[in-house]
mmCIF file of all heavy atoms, coordinates in Angstrom:
data_MODEL
# 
_entry.id   MODEL 
# 
loop_
_atom_site.group_PDB 
_atom_site.id 
_atom_site.type_symbol 
_atom_site.label_atom_id 
_atom_site.label_alt_id 
_atom_site.label_comp_id 
_atom_site.label_asym_id 
_atom_site.label_entity_id 
_atom_site.label_seq_id 
_atom_site.pdbx_PDB_ins_code 
_atom_site.Cartn_x 
_atom_site.Cartn_y 
_atom_site.Cartn_z 
_atom_site.occupancy 
_atom_site.B_iso_or_equiv 
_atom_site.pdbx_formal_charge 
_atom_site.auth_seq_id 
_atom_site.auth_comp_id 
_atom_site.auth_asym_id 
_atom_site.auth_atom_id 
_atom_site.pdbx_PDB_model_num 
ATOM 1   N N   . GLY A 1 1  ? 16.495 -4.586 6.474  1.00 0.00 ? 1  GLY A N   1 
ATOM 2   C CA  . GLY A 1 1  ? 17.943 -4.469 6.448  1.00 0.00 ? 1  GLY A CA  1 
ATOM 3   C C   . GLY A 1 1  ? 18.469 -4.397 5.024  1.00 0.00 ? 1  GLY A C   1 
ATOM 4   O O   . GLY A 1 1  ? 19.406 -3.637 4.732  1.00 0.00 ? 1  GLY A O   1 
ATOM 5   N N   . ILE A 1 2  ? 17.856 -5.175 4.131  1.00 0.00 ? 2  ILE A N   1 
ATOM 6   C CA  . ILE A 1 2  ? 18.247 -5.160 2.721  1.00 0.00 ? 2  ILE A CA  1 
ATOM 7   C C   . ILE A 1 2  ? 17.988 -3.783 2.120  1.00 0.00 ? 2  ILE A C   1 
ATOM 8   O O   . ILE A 1 2  ? 18.821 -3.233 1.397  1.00 0.00 ? 2  ILE A O   1 
ATOM 9   C CB  . ILE A 1 2  ? 17.472 -6.250 1.947  1.00 0.00 ? 2  ILE A CB  1 
ATOM 10  C CG1 . ILE A 1 2  ? 17.859 -7.635 2.462  1.00 0.00 ? 2  ILE A CG1 1 
ATOM 11  C CG2 . ILE A 1 2  ? 17.733 -6.141 0.443  1.00 0.00 ? 2  ILE A CG2 1 
ATOM 12  C CD1 . ILE A 1 2  ? 16.941 -8.744 2.001  1.00 0.00 ? 2  ILE A CD1 1 
ATOM 13  N N   . LEU A 1 3  ? 16.821 -3.231 2.445  1.00 0.00 ? 3  LEU A N   1 
ATOM 14  C CA  . LEU A 1 3  ? 16.461 -1.905 1.932  1.00 0.00 ? 3  LEU A CA  1 
ATOM 15  C C   . LEU A 1 3  ? 17.390 -0.834 2.486  1.00 0.00 ? 3  LEU A C   1 
ATOM 16  O O   . LEU A 1 3  ? 17.831 0.063  1.759  1.00 0.00 ? 3  LEU A O   1 
ATOM 17  C CB  . LEU A 1 3  ? 15.008 -1.588 2.298  1.00 0.00 ? 3  LEU A CB  1 
ATOM 18  C CG  . LEU A 1 3  ? 14.432 -0.263 1.798  1.00 0.00 ? 3  LEU A CG  1 
ATOM 19  C CD1 . LEU A 1 3  ? 14.399 -0.221 0.267  1.00 0.00 ? 3  LEU A CD1 1 
ATOM 20  C CD2 . LEU A 1 3  ? 13.011 -0.055 2.358  1.00 0.00 ? 3  LEU A CD2 1 
ATOM 21  N N   . GLU A 1 4  ? 17.717 -0.931 3.774  1.00 0.00 ? 4  GLU A N   1 
ATOM 22  C CA  . GLU A 1 4  ? 18.578 0.068  4.418  1.00 0.00 ? 4  GLU A CA  1 
ATOM 23  C C   . GLU A 1 4  ? 19.986 0.086  3.813  1.00 0.00 ? 4  GLU A C   1 
ATOM 24  O O   . GLU A 1 4  ? 20.672 1.113  3.865  1.00 0.00 ? 4  GLU A O   1 
ATOM 25  C CB  . GLU A 1 4  ? 18.646 -0.199 5.916  1.00 0.00 ? 4  GLU A CB  1 
ATOM 26  C CG  . GLU A 1 4  ? 17.351 0.152  6.651  1.00 0.00 ? 4  GLU A CG  1 
ATOM 27  C CD  . GLU A 1 4  ? 17.298 -0.411 8.061  1.00 0.00 ? 4  GLU A CD  1 
ATOM 28  O OE1 . GLU A 1 4  ? 18.313 -1.004 8.510  1.00 0.00 ? 4  GLU A OE1 1 
ATOM 29  O OE2 . GLU A 1 4  ? 16.248 -0.273 8.714  1.00 0.00 ? 4  GLU A OE2 1 
ATOM 30  N N   . ASN A 1 5  ? 20.402 -1.043 3.254  1.00 0.00 ? 5  ASN A N   1 
ATOM 31  C CA  . ASN A 1 5  ? 21.712 -1.101 2.603  1.00 0.00 ? 5  ASN A CA  1 
ATOM 32  C C   . ASN A 1 5  ? 21.720 -0.403 1.242  1.00 0.00 ? 5  ASN A C   1 
ATOM 33  O O   . ASN A 1 5  ? 22.788 -0.143 0.680  1.00 0.00 ? 5  ASN A O   1 
ATOM 34  C CB  . ASN A 1 5  ? 22.162 -2.549 2.419  1.00 0.00 ? 5  ASN A CB  1 
ATOM 35  C CG  . ASN A 1 5  ? 22.602 -3.190 3.713  1.00 0.00 ? 5  ASN A CG  1 
ATOM 36  O OD1 . ASN A 1 5  ? 23.043 -2.516 4.647  1.00 0.00 ? 5  ASN A OD1 1 
ATOM 37  N ND2 . ASN A 1 5  ? 22.494 -4.509 3.796  1.00 0.00 ? 5  ASN A ND2 1 
ATOM 38  N N   . GLN A 1 6  ? 20.527 -0.097 0.721  1.00 0.00 ? 6  GLN A N   1 
ATOM 39  C CA  . GLN A 1 6  ? 20.413 0.511  -0.600 1.00 0.00 ? 6  GLN A CA  1 
ATOM 40  C C   . GLN A 1 6  ? 20.052 1.987  -0.558 1.00 0.00 ? 6  GLN A C   1 
ATOM 41  O O   . GLN A 1 6  ? 20.215 2.696  -1.549 1.00 0.00 ? 6  GLN A O   1 
ATOM 42  C CB  . GLN A 1 6  ? 19.359 -0.233 -1.433 1.00 0.00 ? 6  GLN A CB  1 
ATOM 43  C CG  . GLN A 1 6  ? 19.645 -1.708 -1.637 1.00 0.00 ? 6  GLN A CG  1 
ATOM 44  C CD  . GLN A 1 6  ? 20.942 -1.956 -2.389 1.00 0.00 ? 6  GLN A CD  1 
ATOM 45  O OE1 . GLN A 1 6  ? 21.281 -1.223 -3.318 1.00 0.00 ? 6  GLN A OE1 1 
ATOM 46  N NE2 . GLN A 1 6  ? 21.675 -2.982 -1.992 1.00 0.00 ? 6  GLN A NE2 1 
ATOM 47  N N   . CYS A 1 7  ? 19.525 2.435  0.580  1.00 0.00 ? 7  CYS A N   1 
ATOM 48  C CA  . CYS A 1 7  ? 19.053 3.822  0.649  1.00 0.00 ? 7  CYS A CA  1 
ATOM 49  C C   . CYS A 1 7  ? 18.872 4.244  2.101  1.00 0.00 ? 7  CYS A C   1 
ATOM 50  O O   . CYS A 1 7  ? 19.111 3.460  3.014  1.00 0.00 ? 7  CYS A O   1 
ATOM 51  C CB  . CYS A 1 7  ? 17.717 3.950  -0.097 1.00 0.00 ? 7  CYS A CB  1 
ATOM 52  S SG  . CYS A 1 7  ? 16.365 3.058  0.718  1.00 0.00 ? 7  CYS A SG  1 
ATOM 53  N N   . THR A 1 8  ? 18.444 5.484  2.279  1.00 0.00 ? 8  THR A N   1 
ATOM 54  C CA  . THR A 1 8  ? 18.074 5.961  3.614  1.00 0.00 ? 8  THR A CA  1 
ATOM 55  C C   . THR A 1 8  ? 16.606 5.640  3.831  1.00 0.00 ? 8  THR A C   1 
ATOM 56  O O   . THR A 1 8  ? 15.759 6.008  3.011  1.00 0.00 ? 8  THR A O   1 
ATOM 57  C CB  . THR A 1 8  ? 18.291 7.487  3.740  1.00 0.00 ? 8  THR A CB  1 
ATOM 58  O OG1 . THR A 1 8  ? 19.680 7.772  3.545  1.00 0.00 ? 8  THR A OG1 1 
ATOM 59  C CG2 . THR A 1 8  ? 17.855 7.981  5.112  1.00 0.00 ? 8  THR A CG2 1 
ATOM 60  N N   . VAL A 1 9  ? 16.300 4.944  4.932  1.00 0.00 ? 9  VAL A N   1 
ATOM 61  C CA  . VAL A 1 9  ? 14.915 4.556  5.226  1.00 0.00 ? 9  VAL A CA  1 
ATOM 62  C C   . VAL A 1 9  ? 14.429 5.339  6.433  1.00 0.00 ? 9  VAL A C   1 
ATOM 63  O O   . VAL A 1 9  ? 15.088 5.391  7.466  1.00 0.00 ? 9  VAL A O   1 
ATOM 64  C CB  . VAL A 1 9  ? 14.793 3.046  5.500  1.00 0.00 ? 9  VAL A CB  1 
ATOM 65  C CG1 . VAL A 1 9  ? 13.322 2.661  5.717  1.00 0.00 ? 9  VAL A CG1 1 
ATOM 66  C CG2 . VAL A 1 9  ? 15.376 2.237  4.351  1.00 0.00 ? 9  VAL A CG2 1 
ATOM 67  N N   . VAL A 1 10 ? 13.277 5.968  6.276  1.00 0.00 ? 10 VAL A N   1 
ATOM 68  C CA  . VAL A 1 10 ? 12.653 6.725  7.363  1.00 0.00 ? 10 VAL A CA  1 
ATOM 69  C C   . VAL A 1 10 ? 11.373 6.000  7.758  1.00 0.00 ? 10 VAL A C   1 
ATOM 70  O O   . VAL A 1 10 ? 10.500 5.767  6.920  1.00 0.00 ? 10 VAL A O   1 
ATOM 71  C CB  . VAL A 1 10 ? 12.322 8.167  6.934  1.00 0.00 ? 10 VAL A CB  1 
ATOM 72  C CG1 . VAL A 1 10 ? 11.646 8.916  8.072  1.00 0.00 ? 10 VAL A CG1 1 
ATOM 73  C CG2 . VAL A 1 10 ? 13.589 8.884  6.494  1.00 0.00 ? 10 VAL A CG2 1 
ATOM 74  N N   . TYR A 1 11 ? 11.291 5.618  9.025  1.00 0.00 ? 11 TYR A N   1 
ATOM 75  C CA  . TYR A 1 11 ? 10.115 4.917  9.524  1.00 0.00 ? 11 TYR A CA  1 
ATOM 76  C C   . TYR A 1 11 ? 9.241  5.905  10.279 1.00 0.00 ? 11 TYR A C   1 
ATOM 77  O O   . TYR A 1 11 ? 9.722  6.628  11.161 1.00 0.00 ? 11 TYR A O   1 
ATOM 78  C CB  . TYR A 1 11 ? 10.527 3.778  10.461 1.00 0.00 ? 11 TYR A CB  1 
ATOM 79  C CG  . TYR A 1 11 ? 11.405 2.733  9.798  1.00 0.00 ? 11 TYR A CG  1 
ATOM 80  C CD1 . TYR A 1 11 ? 12.794 2.827  9.861  1.00 0.00 ? 11 TYR A CD1 1 
ATOM 81  C CD2 . TYR A 1 11 ? 10.849 1.665  9.103  1.00 0.00 ? 11 TYR A CD2 1 
ATOM 82  C CE1 . TYR A 1 11 ? 13.609 1.873  9.253  1.00 0.00 ? 11 TYR A CE1 1 
ATOM 83  C CE2 . TYR A 1 11 ? 11.645 0.707  8.493  1.00 0.00 ? 11 TYR A CE2 1 
ATOM 84  C CZ  . TYR A 1 11 ? 13.020 0.820  8.571  1.00 0.00 ? 11 TYR A CZ  1 
ATOM 85  O OH  . TYR A 1 11 ? 13.825 -0.126 7.963  1.00 0.00 ? 11 TYR A OH  1 
ATOM 86  N N   . PHE A 1 12 ? 7.955  5.964  9.924  1.00 0.00 ? 12 PHE A N   1 
ATOM 87  C CA  . PHE A 1 12 ? 7.067  6.912  10.584 1.00 0.00 ? 12 PHE A CA  1 
ATOM 88  C C   . PHE A 1 12 ? 5.656  6.324  10.663 1.00 0.00 ? 12 PHE A C   1 
ATOM 89  O O   . PHE A 1 12 ? 5.233  5.589  9.777  1.00 0.00 ? 12 PHE A O   1 
ATOM 90  C CB  . PHE A 1 12 ? 7.022  8.244  9.824  1.00 0.00 ? 12 PHE A CB  1 
ATOM 91  C CG  . PHE A 1 12 ? 6.345  8.118  8.476  1.00 0.00 ? 12 PHE A CG  1 
ATOM 92  C CD1 . PHE A 1 12 ? 5.005  8.481  8.304  1.00 0.00 ? 12 PHE A CD1 1 
ATOM 93  C CD2 . PHE A 1 12 ? 7.036  7.607  7.384  1.00 0.00 ? 12 PHE A CD2 1 
ATOM 94  C CE1 . PHE A 1 12 ? 4.386  8.346  7.064  1.00 0.00 ? 12 PHE A CE1 1 
ATOM 95  C CE2 . PHE A 1 12 ? 6.417  7.463  6.149  1.00 0.00 ? 12 PHE A CE2 1 
ATOM 96  C CZ  . PHE A 1 12 ? 5.093  7.837  5.991  1.00 0.00 ? 12 PHE A CZ  1 
ATOM 97  N N   . PRO A 1 13 ? 4.927  6.640  11.743 1.00 0.00 ? 13 PRO A N   1 
ATOM 98  C CA  . PRO A 1 13 ? 3.548  6.147  11.854 1.00 0.00 ? 13 PRO A CA  1 
ATOM 99  C C   . PRO A 1 13 ? 2.536  7.199  11.397 1.00 0.00 ? 13 PRO A C   1 
ATOM 100 O O   . PRO A 1 13 ? 2.617  8.357  11.806 1.00 0.00 ? 13 PRO A O   1 
ATOM 101 C CB  . PRO A 1 13 ? 3.400  5.882  13.355 1.00 0.00 ? 13 PRO A CB  1 
ATOM 102 C CG  . PRO A 1 13 ? 4.281  6.912  13.994 1.00 0.00 ? 13 PRO A CG  1 
ATOM 103 C CD  . PRO A 1 13 ? 5.415  7.188  13.016 1.00 0.00 ? 13 PRO A CD  1 
ATOM 104 N N   . ILE A 1 14 ? 1.627  6.800  10.539 1.00 0.00 ? 14 ILE A N   1 
ATOM 105 C CA  . ILE A 1 14 ? 0.508  7.670  10.164 1.00 0.00 ? 14 ILE A CA  1 
ATOM 106 C C   . ILE A 1 14 ? -0.747 6.816  10.211 1.00 0.00 ? 14 ILE A C   1 
ATOM 107 O O   . ILE A 1 14 ? -0.950 5.934  9.371  1.00 0.00 ? 14 ILE A O   1 
ATOM 108 C CB  . ILE A 1 14 ? 0.670  8.267  8.752  1.00 0.00 ? 14 ILE A CB  1 
ATOM 109 C CG1 . ILE A 1 14 ? 1.937  9.099  8.650  1.00 0.00 ? 14 ILE A CG1 1 
ATOM 110 C CG2 . ILE A 1 14 ? -0.548 9.127  8.400  1.00 0.00 ? 14 ILE A CG2 1 
ATOM 111 C CD1 . ILE A 1 14 ? 2.152  9.724  7.292  1.00 0.00 ? 14 ILE A CD1 1 
ATOM 112 N N   . GLU A 1 15 ? -1.567 7.030  11.204 1.00 0.00 ? 15 GLU A N   1 
ATOM 113 C CA  . GLU A 1 15 ? -2.798 6.262  11.349 1.00 0.00 ? 15 GLU A CA  1 
ATOM 114 C C   . GLU A 1 15 ? -3.818 6.675  10.285 1.00 0.00 ? 15 GLU A C   1 
ATOM 115 O O   . GLU A 1 15 ? -3.836 7.815  9.826  1.00 0.00 ? 15 GLU A O   1 
ATOM 116 C CB  . GLU A 1 15 ? -3.395 6.479  12.749 1.00 0.00 ? 15 GLU A CB  1 
ATOM 117 C CG  . GLU A 1 15 ? -2.475 6.029  13.881 1.00 0.00 ? 15 GLU A CG  1 
ATOM 118 C CD  . GLU A 1 15 ? -2.218 4.533  13.894 1.00 0.00 ? 15 GLU A CD  1 
ATOM 119 O OE1 . GLU A 1 15 ? -3.049 3.789  13.348 1.00 0.00 ? 15 GLU A OE1 1 
ATOM 120 O OE2 . GLU A 1 15 ? -1.187 4.117  14.454 1.00 0.00 ? 15 GLU A OE2 1 
ATOM 121 N N   . ASP A 1 16 ? -4.657 5.715  9.897  1.00 0.00 ? 16 ASP A N   1 
ATOM 122 C CA  . ASP A 1 16 ? -5.726 5.964  8.919  1.00 0.00 ? 16 ASP A CA  1 
ATOM 123 C C   . ASP A 1 16 ? -5.183 6.538  7.606  1.00 0.00 ? 16 ASP A C   1 
ATOM 124 O O   . ASP A 1 16 ? -5.791 7.398  6.987  1.00 0.00 ? 16 ASP A O   1 
ATOM 125 C CB  . ASP A 1 16 ? -6.788 6.918  9.498  1.00 0.00 ? 16 ASP A CB  1 
ATOM 126 C CG  . ASP A 1 16 ? -7.449 6.346  10.735 1.00 0.00 ? 16 ASP A CG  1 
ATOM 127 O OD1 . ASP A 1 16 ? -7.649 5.111  10.762 1.00 0.00 ? 16 ASP A OD1 1 
ATOM 128 O OD2 . ASP A 1 16 ? -7.747 7.112  11.644 1.00 0.00 ? 16 ASP A OD2 1 
ATOM 129 N N   . GLN A 1 17 ? -4.032 6.077  7.202  1.00 0.00 ? 17 GLN A N   1 
ATOM 130 C CA  . GLN A 1 17 ? -3.410 6.519  5.959  1.00 0.00 ? 17 GLN A CA  1 
ATOM 131 C C   . GLN A 1 17 ? -3.265 5.306  5.044  1.00 0.00 ? 17 GLN A C   1 
ATOM 132 O O   . GLN A 1 17 ? -2.675 4.309  5.423  1.00 0.00 ? 17 GLN A O   1 
ATOM 133 C CB  . GLN A 1 17 ? -2.046 7.139  6.266  1.00 0.00 ? 17 GLN A CB  1 
ATOM 134 C CG  . GLN A 1 17 ? -1.154 7.385  5.067  1.00 0.00 ? 17 GLN A CG  1 
ATOM 135 C CD  . GLN A 1 17 ? -1.750 8.370  4.081  1.00 0.00 ? 17 GLN A CD  1 
ATOM 136 O OE1 . GLN A 1 17 ? -2.351 7.973  3.103  1.00 0.00 ? 17 GLN A OE1 1 
ATOM 137 N NE2 . GLN A 1 17 ? -1.561 9.653  4.346  1.00 0.00 ? 17 GLN A NE2 1 
ATOM 138 N N   . LYS A 1 18 ? -3.817 5.404  3.833  1.00 0.00 ? 18 LYS A N   1 
ATOM 139 C CA  . LYS A 1 18 ? -3.757 4.278  2.910  1.00 0.00 ? 18 LYS A CA  1 
ATOM 140 C C   . LYS A 1 18 ? -2.336 4.010  2.429  1.00 0.00 ? 18 LYS A C   1 
ATOM 141 O O   . LYS A 1 18 ? -1.987 2.874  2.111  1.00 0.00 ? 18 LYS A O   1 
ATOM 142 C CB  . LYS A 1 18 ? -4.674 4.545  1.707  1.00 0.00 ? 18 LYS A CB  1 
ATOM 143 C CG  . LYS A 1 18 ? -6.151 4.504  2.040  1.00 0.00 ? 18 LYS A CG  1 
ATOM 144 C CD  . LYS A 1 18 ? -6.990 4.690  0.779  1.00 0.00 ? 18 LYS A CD  1 
ATOM 145 C CE  . LYS A 1 18 ? -8.476 4.604  1.108  1.00 0.00 ? 18 LYS A CE  1 
ATOM 146 N NZ  . LYS A 1 18 ? -9.322 4.758  -0.105 1.00 0.00 ? 18 LYS A NZ  1 
ATOM 147 N N   . ASN A 1 19 ? -1.521 5.042  2.373  1.00 0.00 ? 19 ASN A N   1 
ATOM 148 C CA  . ASN A 1 19 ? -0.171 4.900  1.859  1.00 0.00 ? 19 ASN A CA  1 
ATOM 149 C C   . ASN A 1 19 ? 0.702  4.098  2.825  1.00 0.00 ? 19 ASN A C   1 
ATOM 150 O O   . ASN A 1 19 ? 0.924  4.485  3.960  1.00 0.00 ? 19 ASN A O   1 
ATOM 151 C CB  . ASN A 1 19 ? 0.440  6.293  1.653  1.00 0.00 ? 19 ASN A CB  1 
ATOM 152 C CG  . ASN A 1 19 ? 1.637  6.262  0.743  1.00 0.00 ? 19 ASN A CG  1 
ATOM 153 O OD1 . ASN A 1 19 ? 2.331  5.250  0.643  1.00 0.00 ? 19 ASN A OD1 1 
ATOM 154 N ND2 . ASN A 1 19 ? 1.882  7.365  0.074  1.00 0.00 ? 19 ASN A ND2 1 
ATOM 155 N N   . ARG A 1 20 ? 1.224  2.961  2.329  1.00 0.00 ? 20 ARG A N   1 
ATOM 156 C CA  . ARG A 1 20 ? 2.097  2.126  3.161  1.00 0.00 ? 20 ARG A CA  1 
ATOM 157 C C   . ARG A 1 20 ? 3.531  2.659  3.175  1.00 0.00 ? 20 ARG A C   1 
ATOM 158 O O   . ARG A 1 20 ? 4.289  2.397  4.109  1.00 0.00 ? 20 ARG A O   1 
ATOM 159 C CB  . ARG A 1 20 ? 2.121  0.690  2.625  1.00 0.00 ? 20 ARG A CB  1 
ATOM 160 C CG  . ARG A 1 20 ? 0.780  -0.016 2.657  1.00 0.00 ? 20 ARG A CG  1 
ATOM 161 C CD  . ARG A 1 20 ? 0.885  -1.330 1.920  1.00 0.00 ? 20 ARG A CD  1 
ATOM 162 N NE  . ARG A 1 20 ? -0.349 -2.096 1.980  1.00 0.00 ? 20 ARG A NE  1 
ATOM 163 C CZ  . ARG A 1 20 ? -0.550 -3.231 1.317  1.00 0.00 ? 20 ARG A CZ  1 
ATOM 164 N NH1 . ARG A 1 20 ? 0.397  -3.709 0.537  1.00 0.00 ? 20 ARG A NH1 1 
ATOM 165 N NH2 . ARG A 1 20 ? -1.694 -3.878 1.430  1.00 0.00 ? 20 ARG A NH2 1 
ATOM 166 N N   . GLY A 1 21 ? 3.894  3.374  2.123  1.00 0.00 ? 21 GLY A N   1 
ATOM 167 C CA  . GLY A 1 21 ? 5.246  3.895  2.024  1.00 0.00 ? 21 GLY A CA  1 
ATOM 168 C C   . GLY A 1 21 ? 5.475  4.486  0.643  1.00 0.00 ? 21 GLY A C   1 
ATOM 169 O O   . GLY A 1 21 ? 4.644  4.329  -0.248 1.00 0.00 ? 21 GLY A O   1 
ATOM 170 N N   . PHE A 1 22 ? 6.591  5.169  0.466  1.00 0.00 ? 22 PHE A N   1 
ATOM 171 C CA  . PHE A 1 22 ? 6.895  5.727  -0.844 1.00 0.00 ? 22 PHE A CA  1 
ATOM 172 C C   . PHE A 1 22 ? 8.386  5.993  -0.972 1.00 0.00 ? 22 PHE A C   1 
ATOM 173 O O   . PHE A 1 22 ? 9.129  6.010  0.015  1.00 0.00 ? 22 PHE A O   1 
ATOM 174 C CB  . PHE A 1 22 ? 6.090  7.009  -1.111 1.00 0.00 ? 22 PHE A CB  1 
ATOM 175 C CG  . PHE A 1 22 ? 6.264  8.089  -0.081 1.00 0.00 ? 22 PHE A CG  1 
ATOM 176 C CD1 . PHE A 1 22 ? 7.251  9.058  -0.226 1.00 0.00 ? 22 PHE A CD1 1 
ATOM 177 C CD2 . PHE A 1 22 ? 5.422  8.152  1.031  1.00 0.00 ? 22 PHE A CD2 1 
ATOM 178 C CE1 . PHE A 1 22 ? 7.412  10.057 0.715  1.00 0.00 ? 22 PHE A CE1 1 
ATOM 179 C CE2 . PHE A 1 22 ? 5.575  9.157  1.980  1.00 0.00 ? 22 PHE A CE2 1 
ATOM 180 C CZ  . PHE A 1 22 ? 6.569  10.114 1.827  1.00 0.00 ? 22 PHE A CZ  1 
ATOM 181 N N   . HIS A 1 23 ? 8.805  6.200  -2.217 1.00 0.00 ? 23 HIS A N   1 
ATOM 182 C CA  . HIS A 1 23 ? 10.217 6.403  -2.540 1.00 0.00 ? 23 HIS A CA  1 
ATOM 183 C C   . HIS A 1 23 ? 10.398 7.764  -3.196 1.00 0.00 ? 23 HIS A C   1 
ATOM 184 O O   . HIS A 1 23 ? 9.618  8.138  -4.072 1.00 0.00 ? 23 HIS A O   1 
ATOM 185 C CB  . HIS A 1 23 ? 10.676 5.286  -3.494 1.00 0.00 ? 23 HIS A CB  1 
ATOM 186 C CG  . HIS A 1 23 ? 11.953 5.578  -4.199 1.00 0.00 ? 23 HIS A CG  1 
ATOM 187 N ND1 . HIS A 1 23 ? 12.030 5.697  -5.572 1.00 0.00 ? 23 HIS A ND1 1 
ATOM 188 C CD2 . HIS A 1 23 ? 13.214 5.781  -3.738 1.00 0.00 ? 23 HIS A CD2 1 
ATOM 189 C CE1 . HIS A 1 23 ? 13.276 5.946  -5.922 1.00 0.00 ? 23 HIS A CE1 1 
ATOM 190 N NE2 . HIS A 1 23 ? 14.015 6.009  -4.840 1.00 0.00 ? 23 HIS A NE2 1 
ATOM 191 N N   . ILE A 1 24 ? 11.398 8.495  -2.780 1.00 0.00 ? 24 ILE A N   1 
ATOM 192 C CA  . ILE A 1 24 ? 11.718 9.772  -3.418 1.00 0.00 ? 24 ILE A CA  1 
ATOM 193 C C   . ILE A 1 24 ? 13.230 9.887  -3.563 1.00 0.00 ? 24 ILE A C   1 
ATOM 194 O O   . ILE A 1 24 ? 13.990 9.141  -2.938 1.00 0.00 ? 24 ILE A O   1 
ATOM 195 C CB  . ILE A 1 24 ? 11.192 10.989 -2.617 1.00 0.00 ? 24 ILE A CB  1 
ATOM 196 C CG1 . ILE A 1 24 ? 11.859 11.055 -1.240 1.00 0.00 ? 24 ILE A CG1 1 
ATOM 197 C CG2 . ILE A 1 24 ? 9.684  10.967 -2.494 1.00 0.00 ? 24 ILE A CG2 1 
ATOM 198 C CD1 . ILE A 1 24 ? 11.569 12.335 -0.494 1.00 0.00 ? 24 ILE A CD1 1 
ATOM 199 N N   . LYS A 1 25 ? 13.643 10.823 -4.408 1.00 0.00 ? 25 LYS A N   1 
ATOM 200 C CA  . LYS A 1 25 ? 15.064 11.134 -4.550 1.00 0.00 ? 25 LYS A CA  1 
ATOM 201 C C   . LYS A 1 25 ? 15.286 12.562 -4.091 1.00 0.00 ? 25 LYS A C   1 
ATOM 202 O O   . LYS A 1 25 ? 14.495 13.444 -4.401 1.00 0.00 ? 25 LYS A O   1 
ATOM 203 C CB  . LYS A 1 25 ? 15.511 10.961 -6.000 1.00 0.00 ? 25 LYS A CB  1 
ATOM 204 C CG  . LYS A 1 25 ? 15.611 9.510  -6.451 1.00 0.00 ? 25 LYS A CG  1 
ATOM 205 C CD  . LYS A 1 25 ? 16.095 9.423  -7.886 1.00 0.00 ? 25 LYS A CD  1 
ATOM 206 C CE  . LYS A 1 25 ? 16.285 7.993  -8.329 1.00 0.00 ? 25 LYS A CE  1 
ATOM 207 N NZ  . LYS A 1 25 ? 17.467 7.367  -7.672 1.00 0.00 ? 25 LYS A NZ  1 
ATOM 208 N N   . LYS A 1 26 ? 16.364 12.781 -3.329 1.00 0.00 ? 26 LYS A N   1 
ATOM 209 C CA  . LYS A 1 26 ? 16.705 14.122 -2.858 1.00 0.00 ? 26 LYS A CA  1 
ATOM 210 C C   . LYS A 1 26 ? 18.185 14.378 -3.103 1.00 0.00 ? 26 LYS A C   1 
ATOM 211 O O   . LYS A 1 26 ? 18.998 13.455 -3.083 1.00 0.00 ? 26 LYS A O   1 
ATOM 212 C CB  . LYS A 1 26 ? 16.421 14.249 -1.350 1.00 0.00 ? 26 LYS A CB  1 
ATOM 213 C CG  . LYS A 1 26 ? 14.955 14.374 -0.982 1.00 0.00 ? 26 LYS A CG  1 
ATOM 214 C CD  . LYS A 1 26 ? 14.811 14.625 0.510  1.00 0.00 ? 26 LYS A CD  1 
ATOM 215 C CE  . LYS A 1 26 ? 13.356 14.854 0.900  1.00 0.00 ? 26 LYS A CE  1 
ATOM 216 N NZ  . LYS A 1 26 ? 13.213 15.130 2.352  1.00 0.00 ? 26 LYS A NZ  1 
# 
């Protein structure tokens, strides 16, 4: 909730992926 107040958060499942998440600017 804290993060969502600061930016747009996209939740997605990717199995067998080392990346837990990432940040970009658009």
